[in-house]
Amino acid sequence: MNFALPLVAILRGLDPADAGAVGRVLFDAGWRLLEVPLNRPGALDAIRILVDMAPPDAIVGGGTMLSVADVDAVAQAGGRLFVSPNCNPVVIAHARATGMLCAPGIATPTEAFAALDAGAHALKLFPAESIGPAGLKALKSVLPAGTPLWPVGGVTPEQIPAWKAAGATGAGIGSQLFAPGVGLDDLAARARAFADAWRG
């Protein structure tokens, strides 16, 4: 699971009418992991549009996936990325069996090991604001070597060096990158800022 830019664009509230333009900006900026959370209208339609236009090395999928039904709906839309805010082993295992890249949310060692046992490929540390780089570093010390750790929640370009130094191997970026109504030029500038910060 090696991505040149291991950042997940969290496109909460993406209107399907805007999905093509938003996707093009992000793909052109080098982003290859796009997530549309399911807890807003139009998410599945937006996923379908992004899947159809995605480069071969990109993975598009859903966020806030809380049930087996959510996994099936995203899979039917062509999505191959599973992201959740929580650790539900049954749902994780189903997403893994469906062939998705699985990044469930965890906040404790107990949740982390349960997620890995269920087949998680990466662990989404959520909410990152409360866990902090120190929490990530401590968690990393007890997890299997090489476990991908992605902080999510309030991550800014300025914070990325500290997260990387603590052991983060990627991150999920939400409202700091995209919010409904953001201009495409602004989105492109934000996307470049995060990419540059990650590449250091």
C-alpha atoms as a PDB file:
ATOM      1  CA  MET A   1       0.000   0.000   0.000  1.00  0.00           C
ATOM      2  CA  ASN A   2       2.371   2.643  -1.274  1.00  0.00           C
ATOM      3  CA  PHE A   3       1.020   5.962  -2.482  1.00  0.00           C
ATOM      4  CA  ALA A   4       3.228   8.803  -3.666  1.00  0.00           C
ATOM      5  CA  LEU A   5       0.868  11.117  -1.777  1.00  0.00           C
ATOM      6  CA  PRO A   6      -0.755   9.151   1.081  1.00  0.00           C
ATOM      7  CA  LEU A   7      -3.366  11.798   1.881  1.00  0.00           C
ATOM      8  CA  VAL A   8      -7.101  11.109   1.765  1.00  0.00           C
ATOM      9  CA  ALA A   9      -9.324  13.920   0.499  1.00  0.00           C
ATOM     10  CA  ILE A  10     -12.497  13.858   2.612  1.00  0.00           C
ATOM     11  CA  LEU A  11     -15.161  15.404   0.394  1.00  0.00           C
ATOM     12  CA  ARG A  12     -18.019  15.819   2.838  1.00  0.00           C
ATOM     13  CA  GLY A  13     -21.094  17.364   1.259  1.00  0.00           C
ATOM     14  CA  LEU A  14     -19.777  17.087  -2.302  1.00  0.00           C
ATOM     15  CA  ASP A  15     -22.602  17.871  -4.718  1.00  0.00           C
ATOM     16  CA  PRO A  16     -22.620  15.386  -7.616  1.00  0.00           C
ATOM     17  CA  ALA A  17     -22.855  18.365  -9.966  1.00  0.00           C
ATOM     18  CA  ASP A  18     -19.466  19.534  -8.684  1.00  0.00           C
ATOM     19  CA  ALA A  19     -17.818  16.125  -8.406  1.00  0.00           C
ATOM     20  CA  GLY A  20     -16.169  16.147 -11.826  1.00  0.00           C
ATOM     21  CA  ALA A  21     -14.538  19.546 -11.397  1.00  0.00           C
ATOM     22  CA  VAL A  22     -13.440  18.855  -7.817  1.00  0.00           C
ATOM     23  CA  GLY A  23     -12.057  15.466  -8.759  1.00  0.00           C
ATOM     24  CA  ARG A  24     -10.083  16.904 -11.667  1.00  0.00           C
ATOM     25  CA  VAL A  25      -8.437  19.527  -9.441  1.00  0.00           C
ATOM     26  CA  LEU A  26      -7.426  16.922  -6.860  1.00  0.00           C
ATOM     27  CA  PHE A  27      -6.210  14.333  -9.353  1.00  0.00           C
ATOM     28  CA  ASP A  28      -4.201  16.998 -11.177  1.00  0.00           C
ATOM     29  CA  ALA A  29      -2.599  17.957  -7.843  1.00  0.00           C
ATOM     30  CA  GLY A  30      -1.454  14.367  -7.313  1.00  0.00           C
ATOM     31  CA  TRP A  31      -4.116  13.189  -4.884  1.00  0.00           C
ATOM     32  CA  ARG A  32      -5.049   9.529  -5.369  1.00  0.00           C
ATOM     33  CA  LEU A  33      -7.267   8.739  -2.342  1.00  0.00           C
ATOM     34  CA  LEU A  34     -10.726  10.333  -2.386  1.00  0.00           C
ATOM     35  CA  GLU A  35     -13.474   9.677   0.151  1.00  0.00           C
ATOM     36  CA  VAL A  36     -17.059  10.914  -0.010  1.00  0.00           C
ATOM     37  CA  PRO A  37     -18.771  10.528   3.405  1.00  0.00           C
ATOM     38  CA  LEU A  38     -22.168   8.888   3.176  1.00  0.00           C
ATOM     39  CA  ASN A  39     -23.866  11.094   5.764  1.00  0.00           C
ATOM     40  CA  ARG A  40     -24.697  13.806   3.217  1.00  0.00           C
ATOM     41  CA  PRO A  41     -27.118  13.664   0.254  1.00  0.00           C
ATOM     42  CA  GLY A  42     -25.738  12.667  -3.129  1.00  0.00           C
ATOM     43  CA  ALA A  43     -22.693  10.814  -1.814  1.00  0.00           C
ATOM     44  CA  LEU A  44     -23.160   7.660  -3.876  1.00  0.00           C
ATOM     45  CA  ASP A  45     -23.754   9.634  -7.072  1.00  0.00           C
ATOM     46  CA  ALA A  46     -20.600  11.665  -6.397  1.00  0.00           C
ATOM     47  CA  ILE A  47     -18.629   8.451  -5.822  1.00  0.00           C
ATOM     48  CA  ARG A  48     -19.825   7.053  -9.168  1.00  0.00           C
ATOM     49  CA  ILE A  49     -18.717  10.201 -11.002  1.00  0.00           C
ATOM     50  CA  LEU A  50     -15.294  10.213  -9.319  1.00  0.00           C
ATOM     51  CA  VAL A  51     -14.789   6.498  -9.997  1.00  0.00           C
ATOM     52  CA  ASP A  52     -15.546   6.983 -13.685  1.00  0.00           C
ATOM     53  CA  MET A  53     -12.952   9.767 -14.068  1.00  0.00           C
ATOM     54  CA  ALA A  54     -10.269   8.516 -11.684  1.00  0.00           C
ATOM     55  CA  PRO A  55      -6.764   7.738 -12.952  1.00  0.00           C
ATOM     56  CA  PRO A  56      -5.858   4.021 -12.882  1.00  0.00           C
ATOM     57  CA  ASP A  57      -3.748   4.461  -9.736  1.00  0.00           C
ATOM     58  CA  ALA A  58      -6.451   6.277  -7.770  1.00  0.00           C
ATOM     59  CA  ILE A  59      -8.818   4.776  -5.195  1.00  0.00           C
ATOM     60  CA  VAL A  60     -12.226   6.343  -4.585  1.00  0.00           C
ATOM     61  CA  GLY A  61     -14.668   5.290  -1.910  1.00  0.00           C
ATOM     62  CA  GLY A  62     -16.919   6.218   0.949  1.00  0.00           C
ATOM     63  CA  GLY A  63     -16.556   7.631   4.413  1.00  0.00           C
ATOM     64  CA  THR A  64     -18.779   7.390   7.489  1.00  0.00           C
ATOM     65  CA  MET A  65     -19.515   3.820   6.427  1.00  0.00           C
ATOM     66  CA  LEU A  66     -21.261   2.348   9.438  1.00  0.00           C
ATOM     67  CA  SER A  67     -22.947  -0.824   8.193  1.00  0.00           C
ATOM     68  CA  VAL A  68     -22.648  -3.782   5.857  1.00  0.00           C
ATOM     69  CA  ALA A  69     -25.332  -2.102   3.742  1.00  0.00           C
ATOM     70  CA  ASP A  70     -23.107   0.982   3.418  1.00  0.00           C
ATOM     71  CA  VAL A  71     -20.250  -1.204   2.186  1.00  0.00           C
ATOM     72  CA  ASP A  72     -22.474  -2.879  -0.395  1.00  0.00           C
ATOM     73  CA  ALA A  73     -23.854   0.460  -1.613  1.00  0.00           C
ATOM     74  CA  VAL A  74     -20.379   1.943  -2.086  1.00  0.00           C
ATOM     75  CA  ALA A  75     -19.162  -1.218  -3.805  1.00  0.00           C
ATOM     76  CA  GLN A  76     -22.103  -1.052  -6.209  1.00  0.00           C
ATOM     77  CA  ALA A  77     -21.112   2.550  -6.967  1.00  0.00           C
ATOM     78  CA  GLY A  78     -17.622   1.325  -7.870  1.00  0.00           C
ATOM     79  CA  GLY A  79     -15.956   2.475  -4.659  1.00  0.00           C
ATOM     80  CA  ARG A  80     -12.886   0.617  -3.396  1.00  0.00           C
ATOM     81  CA  LEU A  81     -12.062   2.620  -0.255  1.00  0.00           C
ATOM     82  CA  PHE A  82     -13.719   1.966   3.119  1.00  0.00           C
ATOM     83  CA  VAL A  83     -13.400   4.666   5.774  1.00  0.00           C
ATOM     84  CA  SER A  84     -15.350   4.825   9.013  1.00  0.00           C
ATOM     85  CA  PRO A  85     -15.220   6.924  12.183  1.00  0.00           C
ATOM     86  CA  ASN A  86     -15.459   3.806  14.355  1.00  0.00           C
ATOM     87  CA  CYS A  87     -14.233   0.250  14.764  1.00  0.00           C
ATOM     88  CA  ASN A  88     -16.917  -2.309  13.893  1.00  0.00           C
ATOM     89  CA  PRO A  89     -15.163  -5.631  13.191  1.00  0.00           C
ATOM     90  CA  VAL A  90     -18.128  -7.099  11.295  1.00  0.00           C
ATOM     91  CA  VAL A  91     -18.272  -4.149   8.897  1.00  0.00           C
ATOM     92  CA  ILE A  92     -14.482  -4.033   8.503  1.00  0.00           C
ATOM     93  CA  ALA A  93     -14.337  -7.735   7.674  1.00  0.00           C
ATOM     94  CA  HIS A  94     -17.137  -7.344   5.123  1.00  0.00           C
ATOM     95  CA  ALA A  95     -15.365  -4.423   3.449  1.00  0.00           C
ATOM     96  CA  ARG A  96     -12.135  -6.406   3.350  1.00  0.00           C
ATOM     97  CA  ALA A  97     -13.937  -9.397   1.809  1.00  0.00           C
ATOM     98  CA  THR A  98     -15.444  -7.040  -0.778  1.00  0.00           C
ATOM     99  CA  GLY A  99     -11.942  -6.088  -1.842  1.00  0.00           C
ATOM    100  CA  MET A 100     -11.838  -2.604  -0.385  1.00  0.00           C
ATOM    101  CA  LEU A 101      -8.877  -0.768   1.090  1.00  0.00           C
ATOM    102  CA  CYS A 102     -10.016  -0.570   4.714  1.00  0.00           C
ATOM    103  CA  ALA A 103      -9.226   2.364   7.000  1.00  0.00           C
ATOM    104  CA  PRO A 104     -11.535   2.239  10.024  1.00  0.00           C
ATOM    105  CA  GLY A 105     -11.480   4.786  12.807  1.00  0.00           C
ATOM    106  CA  ILE A 106      -9.752   3.992  16.096  1.00  0.00           C
ATOM    107  CA  ALA A 107      -8.798   5.982  19.189  1.00  0.00           C
ATOM    108  CA  THR A 108      -7.450   3.321  21.579  1.00  0.00           C
ATOM    109  CA  PRO A 109      -5.087   0.337  21.464  1.00  0.00           C
ATOM    110  CA  THR A 110      -8.045  -2.000  22.010  1.00  0.00           C
ATOM    111  CA  GLU A 111      -9.825  -0.610  18.943  1.00  0.00           C
ATOM    112  CA  ALA A 112      -6.600  -0.637  16.937  1.00  0.00           C
ATOM    113  CA  PHE A 113      -5.943  -4.331  17.503  1.00  0.00           C
ATOM    114  CA  ALA A 114      -9.611  -5.216  16.934  1.00  0.00           C
ATOM    115  CA  ALA A 115      -9.528  -3.373  13.615  1.00  0.00           C
ATOM    116  CA  LEU A 116      -6.336  -5.095  12.513  1.00  0.00           C
ATOM    117  CA  ASP A 117      -7.720  -8.498  13.522  1.00  0.00           C
ATOM    118  CA  ALA A 118     -10.789  -7.771  11.368  1.00  0.00           C
ATOM    119  CA  GLY A 119      -8.625  -7.033   8.331  1.00  0.00           C
ATOM    120  CA  ALA A 120      -7.950  -3.280   8.392  1.00  0.00           C
ATOM    121  CA  HIS A 121      -5.179  -2.166   6.041  1.00  0.00           C
ATOM    122  CA  ALA A 122      -4.679   1.216   7.738  1.00  0.00           C
ATOM    123  CA  LEU A 123      -5.865   2.808  10.960  1.00  0.00           C
ATOM    124  CA  LYS A 124      -7.594   6.175  10.952  1.00  0.00           C
ATOM    125  CA  LEU A 125      -6.721   7.959  14.210  1.00  0.00           C
ATOM    126  CA  PHE A 126      -9.864   9.895  14.985  1.00  0.00           C
ATOM    127  CA  PRO A 127     -10.342  12.489  16.315  1.00  0.00           C
ATOM    128  CA  ALA A 128      -6.711  13.434  15.729  1.00  0.00           C
ATOM    129  CA  GLU A 129      -7.079  16.690  17.652  1.00  0.00           C
ATOM    130  CA  SER A 130      -7.580  14.824  20.915  1.00  0.00           C
ATOM    131  CA  ILE A 131      -5.085  12.019  20.227  1.00  0.00           C
ATOM    132  CA  GLY A 132      -2.245  14.279  19.119  1.00  0.00           C
ATOM    133  CA  PRO A 133       1.180  13.308  17.775  1.00  0.00           C
ATOM    134  CA  ALA A 134       2.218  12.074  21.221  1.00  0.00           C
ATOM    135  CA  GLY A 135      -0.738   9.689  21.293  1.00  0.00           C
ATOM    136  CA  LEU A 136       0.092   8.417  17.836  1.00  0.00           C
ATOM    137  CA  LYS A 137       3.704   7.823  18.829  1.00  0.00           C
ATOM    138  CA  ALA A 138       2.636   5.848  21.888  1.00  0.00           C
ATOM    139  CA  LEU A 139       0.167   3.794  19.872  1.00  0.00           C
ATOM    140  CA  LYS A 140       2.777   3.070  17.212  1.00  0.00           C
ATOM    141  CA  SER A 141       5.096   1.623  19.869  1.00  0.00           C
ATOM    142  CA  VAL A 142       2.707  -1.270  20.586  1.00  0.00           C
ATOM    143  CA  LEU A 143       1.287  -1.949  17.112  1.00  0.00           C
ATOM    144  CA  PRO A 144       2.797  -4.349  14.587  1.00  0.00           C
ATOM    145  CA  ALA A 145       5.717  -2.773  12.755  1.00  0.00           C
ATOM    146  CA  GLY A 146       4.655  -1.069   9.560  1.00  0.00           C
ATOM    147  CA  THR A 147       1.023  -0.504  10.536  1.00  0.00           C
ATOM    148  CA  PRO A 148      -0.187   2.477   8.474  1.00  0.00           C
ATOM    149  CA  LEU A 149      -1.439   5.260  10.754  1.00  0.00           C
ATOM    150  CA  TRP A 150      -3.508   8.128   9.353  1.00  0.00           C
ATOM    151  CA  PRO A 151      -4.531  10.986  11.680  1.00  0.00           C
ATOM    152  CA  VAL A 152      -7.852  12.554  10.723  1.00  0.00           C
ATOM    153  CA  GLY A 153      -9.525  15.614  12.157  1.00  0.00           C
ATOM    154  CA  GLY A 154      -8.181  19.141  12.081  1.00  0.00           C
ATOM    155  CA  VAL A 155      -4.882  18.307  10.367  1.00  0.00           C
ATOM    156  CA  THR A 156      -3.324  21.386   8.741  1.00  0.00           C
ATOM    157  CA  PRO A 157      -0.295  21.692   6.449  1.00  0.00           C
ATOM    158  CA  GLU A 158       1.630  23.288   9.310  1.00  0.00           C
ATOM    159  CA  GLN A 159       1.001  20.268  11.564  1.00  0.00           C
ATOM    160  CA  ILE A 160       2.061  17.611   9.075  1.00  0.00           C
ATOM    161  CA  PRO A 161       5.786  17.622   9.995  1.00  0.00           C
ATOM    162  CA  ALA A 162       4.924  16.883  13.635  1.00  0.00           C
ATOM    163  CA  TRP A 163       2.569  14.087  12.645  1.00  0.00           C
ATOM    164  CA  LYS A 164       5.173  12.556  10.352  1.00  0.00           C
ATOM    165  CA  ALA A 165       7.841  12.800  13.033  1.00  0.00           C
ATOM    166  CA  ALA A 166       5.519  10.895  15.394  1.00  0.00           C
ATOM    167  CA  GLY A 167       5.090   8.104  12.849  1.00  0.00           C
ATOM    168  CA  ALA A 168       2.086   9.033  10.716  1.00  0.00           C
ATOM    169  CA  THR A 169       2.238   7.360   7.305  1.00  0.00           C
ATOM    170  CA  GLY A 170      -0.613   9.382   5.799  1.00  0.00           C
ATOM    171  CA  ALA A 171      -3.533  11.577   6.848  1.00  0.00           C
ATOM    172  CA  GLY A 172      -7.130  12.337   6.071  1.00  0.00           C
ATOM    173  CA  ILE A 173      -7.927  15.952   5.227  1.00  0.00           C
ATOM    174  CA  GLY A 174     -11.471  17.270   5.469  1.00  0.00           C
ATOM    175  CA  SER A 175     -12.689  20.835   5.836  1.00  0.00           C
ATOM    176  CA  GLN A 176      -9.144  22.206   5.752  1.00  0.00           C
ATOM    177  CA  LEU A 177      -9.144  21.064   2.115  1.00  0.00           C
ATOM    178  CA  PHE A 178     -12.734  20.900   0.894  1.00  0.00           C
ATOM    179  CA  ALA A 179     -16.074  22.310   1.945  1.00  0.00           C
ATOM    180  CA  PRO A 180     -19.176  22.827  -0.198  1.00  0.00           C
ATOM    181  CA  GLY A 181     -18.855  26.074  -2.103  1.00  0.00           C
ATOM    182  CA  VAL A 182     -15.059  26.260  -2.083  1.00  0.00           C
ATOM    183  CA  GLY A 183     -13.710  27.787  -5.284  1.00  0.00           C
ATOM    184  CA  LEU A 184     -11.696  25.567  -7.582  1.00  0.00           C
ATOM    185  CA  ASP A 185      -8.659  27.878  -7.468  1.00  0.00           C
ATOM    186  CA  ASP A 186      -8.783  27.867  -3.672  1.00  0.00           C
ATOM    187  CA  LEU A 187      -9.156  24.085  -3.667  1.00  0.00           C
ATOM    188  CA  ALA A 188      -6.142  23.738  -5.961  1.00  0.00           C
ATOM    189  CA  ALA A 189      -4.050  25.975  -3.708  1.00  0.00           C
ATOM    190  CA  ARG A 190      -5.041  23.999  -0.611  1.00  0.00           C
ATOM    191  CA  ALA A 191      -4.351  20.690  -2.351  1.00  0.00           C
ATOM    192  CA  ARG A 192      -0.876  21.872  -3.355  1.00  0.00           C
ATOM    193  CA  ALA A 193      -0.154  23.188   0.149  1.00  0.00           C
ATOM    194  CA  PHE A 194      -0.947  19.832   1.737  1.00  0.00           C
ATOM    195  CA  ALA A 195       0.994  17.921  -0.921  1.00  0.00           C
ATOM    196  CA  ASP A 196       4.021  20.167  -0.490  1.00  0.00           C
ATOM    197  CA  ALA A 197       3.860  19.862   3.296  1.00  0.00           C
ATOM    198  CA  TRP A 198       3.745  16.073   3.092  1.00  0.00           C
ATOM    199  CA  ARG A 199       6.612  15.853   0.639  1.00  0.00           C
ATOM    200  CA  GLY A 200       8.577  18.231   2.835  1.00  0.00           C
END
